[in-house]
Amino acid sequence: MVPIEQCNEYENRCRANYLCPSFSSEDTDCILCGQNSPTYVDCNCTDFTPTEECKICKDGACIECFNNLFVNNGKCSQIDPSLIQCATNKKCRYRDLGYCDSKTKTCAKCQEGCDICTSAEFCVQCKSGTAAPLTTTDGKCTATCTPSAGQYCNGSTATTCADGITSACKCQDVANCATCNDTDGGSSCGACLKNLKLDGGKCEVCKDGFEMLGKLCVALETAVEPEDPKPPVEPEKPNPPINPDPSVKPTDPEATEESKNTRLSSGAIVGIVLGVVAVAAVVGGGLAYYFVKKHKKAAGGSATQVQVE
């Protein structure tokens, strides 16, 4: 077997934060990842496993990538999370881009040492293989321990279970207990951790209004993804005015407009009628004057002739 400090192309036996520089079957010493490491050789963020496109690891996660890639939740990605708009954590989580920042409405990375989070401060699943792998009910990552029955991990210290604990009390083979059931020798839960429902001595289902995310039950997200914008609704057109001219179609907007322009107001009609009457009066008066004048002239001529004879 190849010594643990050495590796080859077919067997990577390098510890976390080291890489295997070998490109053959010959044994080669593992090299510490860093600025002087071979170009484009993936660093091991966990023992014996290279992290794709990673140049430098820390605490089980990648902190620097090759090829100008972005670090997203300890991995290398082509996507910059700050350019992805969001309305829910779910959208970012499905893309392995952290959580949705409520202020910027863009995805943001989880805090260091956290695999899944709902905010910059609340982690629901801490990274394994780190110095703080234990996820507490208040969203923190702490050191762990090896508790005995009836104990829980208060950081790295095994402590007797009591009210208000933030990590699971060890009750034989059941998980997520806040206390153990004394009536059956502690083989079942007497109470559950925060937001879990006790059912038959087990704590496996979240309470109503909560969902299991990572290691914890968290409130259901109320925000929804923005819908595709709908086309604006055009306002209803008013009914066309009643058209006195039956030859014009009322549904034709141009004809309706033309009809409106050709209709006269009642005042205009009265004015026209009065004008016609005035003209008729003037013409009638002129004709009357003409005929009277002509009649008088004819009468004057006859009288002159009688006197001459």
Protein backbone atom coordinates (compact mmCIF):
# COMPACT_ATOMS: atom_id res chain seq x y z
CA MET A 1 0.00 0.00 0.00
CA VAL A 2 1.20 3.51 -0.78
CA PRO A 3 2.24 5.47 2.34
CA ILE A 4 -0.35 8.00 3.47
CA GLU A 5 2.06 10.90 2.80
CA GLN A 6 2.46 9.82 -0.83
CA CYS A 7 0.17 9.40 -3.81
CA ASN A 8 0.08 8.60 -7.51
CA GLU A 9 -2.26 9.24 -10.42
CA TYR A 10 -4.47 6.32 -9.44
CA GLU A 11 -4.44 6.59 -5.64
CA ASN A 12 -4.87 9.93 -3.88
CA ARG A 13 -3.79 9.46 -0.25
CA CYS A 14 -3.21 13.10 0.57
CA ARG A 15 -4.74 14.69 3.66
CA ALA A 16 -6.96 17.77 3.64
CA ASN A 17 -5.20 20.94 2.44
CA TYR A 18 -2.69 18.87 0.44
CA LEU A 19 -2.67 17.88 -3.21
CA CYS A 20 -1.29 15.04 -5.31
CA PRO A 21 1.12 16.32 -8.00
CA SER A 22 1.62 12.92 -9.64
CA PHE A 23 0.60 12.28 -13.26
CA SER A 24 1.92 8.71 -13.36
CA SER A 25 1.85 5.48 -11.40
CA GLU A 26 5.02 6.45 -9.55
CA ASP A 27 4.68 7.41 -5.89
CA THR A 28 5.08 11.12 -5.18
CA ASP A 29 5.03 13.13 -1.96
CA CYS A 30 1.85 15.09 -1.26
CA ILE A 31 2.30 18.87 -1.44
CA LEU A 32 0.67 21.55 0.69
CA CYS A 33 -1.85 23.55 -1.34
CA GLY A 34 -0.93 27.19 -1.81
CA GLN A 35 0.64 29.82 -3.99
CA ASN A 36 3.59 27.60 -4.98
CA SER A 37 1.59 24.46 -5.73
CA PRO A 38 1.45 23.07 -9.29
CA THR A 39 -0.87 24.91 -11.64
CA TYR A 40 -4.41 23.51 -11.99
CA VAL A 41 -3.87 20.56 -9.64
CA ASP A 42 -6.97 20.31 -7.44
CA CYS A 43 -6.47 20.68 -3.72
CA ASN A 44 -7.97 18.17 -1.26
CA CYS A 45 -10.45 20.00 0.99
CA THR A 46 -11.14 16.71 2.77
CA ASP A 47 -8.86 13.73 3.24
CA PHE A 48 -8.09 11.75 0.08
CA THR A 49 -10.60 13.65 -2.09
CA PRO A 50 -9.67 16.50 -4.45
CA THR A 51 -12.09 19.43 -4.74
CA GLU A 52 -12.65 20.28 -8.39
CA GLU A 53 -10.97 23.50 -9.60
CA CYS A 54 -9.89 24.40 -6.04
CA LYS A 55 -6.53 26.02 -5.42
CA ILE A 56 -6.60 26.53 -1.62
CA CYS A 57 -8.79 24.92 1.07
CA LYS A 58 -9.53 25.84 4.67
CA ASP A 59 -11.62 23.98 7.26
CA GLY A 60 -12.95 21.52 4.70
CA ALA A 61 -14.02 24.16 2.16
CA CYS A 62 -12.45 25.80 -0.84
CA ILE A 63 -11.51 29.45 -0.39
CA GLU A 64 -9.74 30.11 -3.71
CA CYS A 65 -10.38 28.68 -7.19
CA PHE A 66 -8.51 28.30 -10.47
CA ASN A 67 -9.60 29.82 -13.81
CA ASN A 68 -11.22 32.91 -12.24
CA LEU A 69 -14.06 30.79 -10.88
CA PHE A 70 -16.13 31.95 -7.91
CA VAL A 71 -16.22 30.32 -4.48
CA ASN A 72 -19.78 29.32 -3.60
CA ASN A 73 -20.37 27.45 -0.33
CA GLY A 74 -16.90 25.94 -0.33
CA LYS A 75 -16.97 24.88 -3.97
CA CYS A 76 -15.91 26.45 -7.25
CA SER A 77 -18.59 27.76 -9.59
CA GLN A 78 -18.83 29.79 -12.78
CA ILE A 79 -21.69 31.81 -11.30
CA ASP A 80 -21.21 34.93 -9.21
CA PRO A 81 -23.96 34.68 -6.56
CA SER A 82 -24.24 38.47 -6.25
CA LEU A 83 -25.53 38.62 -9.85
CA ILE A 84 -28.43 36.21 -9.28
CA GLN A 85 -31.67 37.99 -8.31
CA CYS A 86 -33.98 36.14 -5.95
CA ALA A 87 -37.12 36.33 -3.83
CA THR A 88 -36.58 33.16 -1.77
CA ASN A 89 -33.71 31.24 -0.23
CA LYS A 90 -34.87 28.23 -2.21
CA LYS A 91 -33.81 29.74 -5.54
CA CYS A 92 -30.27 30.31 -4.27
CA ARG A 93 -30.10 27.00 -2.43
CA TYR A 94 -31.05 24.96 -5.51
CA ARG A 95 -28.17 26.61 -7.37
CA ASP A 96 -25.76 26.02 -4.47
CA LEU A 97 -25.40 29.80 -4.11
CA GLY A 98 -26.17 30.26 -0.42
CA TYR A 99 -29.20 32.29 0.66
CA CYS A 100 -31.26 35.24 -0.61
CA ASP A 101 -30.18 38.56 0.90
CA SER A 102 -33.39 40.40 1.86
CA LYS A 103 -31.79 43.81 1.30
CA THR A 104 -30.13 43.34 -2.08
CA LYS A 105 -32.55 40.65 -3.37
CA THR A 106 -29.54 38.72 -4.68
CA CYS A 107 -27.93 35.45 -3.63
CA ALA A 108 -25.17 35.59 -1.02
CA LYS A 109 -22.73 33.01 0.33
CA CYS A 110 -23.35 31.21 3.61
CA GLN A 111 -20.94 31.92 6.43
CA GLU A 112 -17.70 29.97 6.50
CA GLY A 113 -18.17 26.42 7.76
CA CYS A 114 -21.85 26.24 6.80
CA ASP A 115 -23.30 24.07 4.03
CA ILE A 116 -26.91 25.33 4.14
CA CYS A 117 -28.17 28.58 5.65
CA THR A 118 -31.23 30.82 5.71
CA SER A 119 -29.34 34.04 6.42
CA ALA A 120 -25.84 35.31 7.06
CA GLU A 121 -26.23 34.42 10.76
CA PHE A 122 -28.43 31.30 10.74
CA CYS A 123 -26.94 27.98 9.60
CA VAL A 124 -29.16 24.91 9.34
CA GLN A 125 -26.41 22.47 8.34
CA CYS A 126 -22.78 22.88 9.35
CA LYS A 127 -19.93 21.38 7.36
CA SER A 128 -18.69 18.00 8.51
CA GLY A 129 -14.97 17.50 8.93
CA THR A 130 -14.46 20.99 10.36
CA ALA A 131 -13.68 22.18 13.87
CA ALA A 132 -17.34 23.14 14.33
CA PRO A 133 -19.53 20.50 12.67
CA LEU A 134 -22.43 20.49 15.18
CA THR A 135 -25.57 22.39 14.14
CA THR A 136 -27.49 23.90 17.06
CA THR A 137 -31.17 24.88 17.10
CA ASP A 138 -30.21 28.57 17.24
CA GLY A 139 -28.38 28.28 13.90
CA LYS A 140 -24.81 28.15 15.19
CA CYS A 141 -21.94 25.82 14.31
CA THR A 142 -20.05 24.53 17.34
CA ALA A 143 -17.57 21.84 18.30
CA THR A 144 -19.01 18.41 19.02
CA CYS A 145 -18.42 15.69 21.60
CA THR A 146 -19.24 12.06 22.36
CA PRO A 147 -22.16 12.17 24.81
CA SER A 148 -23.39 9.27 26.94
CA ALA A 149 -27.06 8.39 27.42
CA GLY A 150 -28.95 11.35 28.87
CA GLN A 151 -26.31 13.84 27.78
CA TYR A 152 -25.95 16.40 24.96
CA CYS A 153 -23.03 18.31 23.48
CA ASN A 154 -22.64 21.78 24.94
CA GLY A 155 -19.91 22.62 22.48
CA SER A 156 -17.16 20.07 23.06
CA THR A 157 -18.42 19.27 26.57
CA ALA A 158 -20.86 16.41 27.27
CA THR A 159 -23.53 17.80 29.61
CA THR A 160 -26.63 16.35 31.30
CA CYS A 161 -29.78 17.06 29.29
CA ALA A 162 -32.04 19.82 30.64
CA ASP A 163 -34.68 22.26 29.47
CA GLY A 164 -33.53 24.74 26.81
CA ILE A 165 -30.76 22.64 25.28
CA THR A 166 -29.81 23.53 21.69
CA SER A 167 -28.52 20.17 20.45
CA ALA A 168 -29.88 16.63 20.66
CA CYS A 169 -30.01 14.69 23.89
CA LYS A 170 -28.69 11.14 23.44
CA CYS A 171 -31.57 8.70 23.96
CA GLN A 172 -30.34 5.35 22.66
CA ASP A 173 -31.15 5.11 18.91
CA VAL A 174 -33.68 7.96 18.50
CA ALA A 175 -32.71 11.38 17.19
CA ASN A 176 -33.69 15.00 17.82
CA CYS A 177 -34.72 14.47 21.45
CA ALA A 178 -34.71 17.33 23.94
CA THR A 179 -35.23 14.87 26.80
CA CYS A 180 -35.39 11.09 27.12
CA ASN A 181 -38.45 9.15 28.24
CA ASP A 182 -37.71 7.85 31.75
CA THR A 183 -40.57 5.33 31.66
CA ASP A 184 -38.87 3.14 29.06
CA GLY A 185 -35.31 3.51 30.23
CA GLY A 186 -34.56 6.36 27.86
CA SER A 187 -35.09 4.40 24.66
CA SER A 188 -37.49 7.04 23.29
CA CYS A 189 -37.87 10.81 23.39
CA GLY A 190 -39.73 12.51 26.21
CA ALA A 191 -39.69 15.84 24.36
CA CYS A 192 -38.37 17.11 21.03
CA LEU A 193 -35.98 19.79 19.96
CA LYS A 194 -37.40 23.10 18.76
CA ASN A 195 -40.17 22.97 16.10
CA LEU A 196 -40.33 19.14 16.01
CA LYS A 197 -43.45 17.10 16.80
CA LEU A 198 -43.37 14.22 19.31
CA ASP A 199 -45.06 11.15 17.82
CA GLY A 200 -44.75 7.70 19.41
CA GLY A 201 -41.59 8.61 21.26
CA LYS A 202 -39.89 9.85 18.08
CA CYS A 203 -39.10 13.34 16.79
CA GLU A 204 -39.03 12.98 13.02
CA VAL A 205 -41.72 15.37 11.76
CA CYS A 206 -41.77 19.17 11.88
CA LYS A 207 -44.68 20.99 13.47
CA ASP A 208 -47.32 22.56 11.21
CA GLY A 209 -45.96 25.63 9.44
CA PHE A 210 -42.39 24.32 9.48
CA GLU A 211 -40.25 22.22 7.13
CA MET A 212 -37.07 20.21 7.55
CA LEU A 213 -34.11 22.02 6.05
CA GLY A 214 -30.67 20.59 6.64
CA LYS A 215 -30.64 19.53 10.29
CA LEU A 216 -33.39 21.86 11.59
CA CYS A 217 -37.09 22.58 11.25
CA VAL A 218 -37.52 26.14 9.98
CA ALA A 219 -40.59 28.22 9.18
CA LEU A 220 -42.04 27.77 5.71
CA GLU A 221 -40.95 30.49 3.34
CA THR A 222 -43.76 32.94 2.61
CA ALA A 223 -42.13 34.84 -0.25
CA VAL A 224 -42.84 33.58 -3.74
CA GLU A 225 -40.89 33.82 -6.96
CA PRO A 226 -41.93 36.88 -8.99
CA GLU A 227 -44.30 35.94 -11.78
CA ASP A 228 -43.65 36.80 -15.39
CA PRO A 229 -44.91 40.32 -16.06
CA LYS A 230 -48.36 40.35 -17.62
CA PRO A 231 -49.18 42.64 -20.57
CA PRO A 232 -51.04 45.80 -19.53
CA VAL A 233 -54.81 45.65 -19.79
CA GLU A 234 -56.12 48.15 -22.31
CA PRO A 235 -58.93 50.38 -20.98
CA GLU A 236 -62.37 49.78 -22.41
CA LYS A 237 -63.24 52.10 -25.27
CA PRO A 238 -66.35 54.29 -24.72
CA ASN A 239 -69.42 53.59 -26.82
CA PRO A 240 -69.45 55.69 -30.04
CA PRO A 241 -71.87 58.68 -30.06
CA ILE A 242 -75.25 58.25 -31.73
CA ASN A 243 -74.85 59.16 -35.37
CA PRO A 244 -77.81 60.92 -37.07
CA ASP A 245 -76.49 59.95 -40.51
CA PRO A 246 -77.53 56.32 -41.16
CA SER A 247 -75.09 56.07 -44.07
CA VAL A 248 -72.14 56.30 -41.65
CA LYS A 249 -71.20 53.18 -39.75
CA PRO A 250 -70.89 53.93 -36.01
CA THR A 251 -68.17 51.27 -35.60
CA ASP A 252 -65.85 53.13 -37.97
CA PRO A 253 -63.88 55.57 -35.78
CA GLU A 254 -62.85 57.71 -38.77
CA ALA A 255 -66.38 57.95 -40.03
CA THR A 256 -67.60 58.75 -36.53
CA GLU A 257 -65.05 61.52 -36.23
CA GLU A 258 -66.02 62.85 -39.65
CA SER A 259 -69.68 62.77 -38.67
CA LYS A 260 -68.90 64.70 -35.49
CA ASN A 261 -67.06 67.35 -37.51
CA THR A 262 -69.94 67.80 -40.00
CA ARG A 263 -72.75 68.09 -37.42
CA LEU A 264 -73.88 71.67 -36.60
CA SER A 265 -74.90 72.92 -33.22
CA SER A 266 -78.46 74.20 -32.60
CA GLY A 267 -77.14 77.77 -32.25
CA ALA A 268 -75.55 77.60 -35.68
CA ILE A 269 -78.78 76.33 -37.21
CA VAL A 270 -80.78 79.21 -35.64
CA GLY A 271 -78.27 81.71 -36.95
CA ILE A 272 -78.53 80.31 -40.47
CA VAL A 273 -82.36 80.47 -40.38
CA LEU A 274 -82.34 84.08 -39.17
CA GLY A 275 -79.86 84.98 -41.90
CA VAL A 276 -82.09 83.45 -44.57
CA VAL A 277 -85.11 85.35 -43.21
CA ALA A 278 -83.16 88.61 -43.21
CA VAL A 279 -82.02 88.11 -46.80
CA ALA A 280 -85.56 87.28 -47.86
CA ALA A 281 -86.82 90.44 -46.16
CA VAL A 282 -84.27 92.61 -47.92
CA VAL A 283 -84.97 91.05 -51.32
CA GLY A 284 -88.72 91.32 -50.77
CA GLY A 285 -88.43 94.97 -49.76
CA GLY A 286 -86.33 95.75 -52.79
CA LEU A 287 -88.83 94.15 -55.16
CA ALA A 288 -91.73 95.99 -53.54
CA TYR A 289 -89.93 99.30 -53.88
CA TYR A 290 -89.16 98.56 -57.52
CA PHE A 291 -92.74 97.78 -58.45
CA VAL A 292 -94.15 100.82 -56.60
CA LYS A 293 -91.66 103.08 -58.31
CA LYS A 294 -92.48 101.64 -61.69
CA HIS A 295 -96.20 102.00 -61.08
CA LYS A 296 -95.88 105.70 -60.15
CA LYS A 297 -93.79 106.42 -63.22
CA ALA A 298 -96.39 104.83 -65.47
CA ALA A 299 -99.19 106.83 -63.88
CA GLY A 300 -97.32 110.16 -64.35
CA GLY A 301 -96.85 109.55 -68.11
CA SER A 302 -100.59 109.04 -68.75
CA ALA A 303 -101.53 112.37 -67.08
CA THR A 304 -99.18 114.35 -69.34
CA GLN A 305 -100.68 112.91 -72.49
CA VAL A 306 -104.25 113.97 -71.48
CA GLN A 307 -103.22 117.59 -70.92
CA VAL A 308 -101.55 117.90 -74.37
CA GLU A 309 -104.61 116.80 -76.25
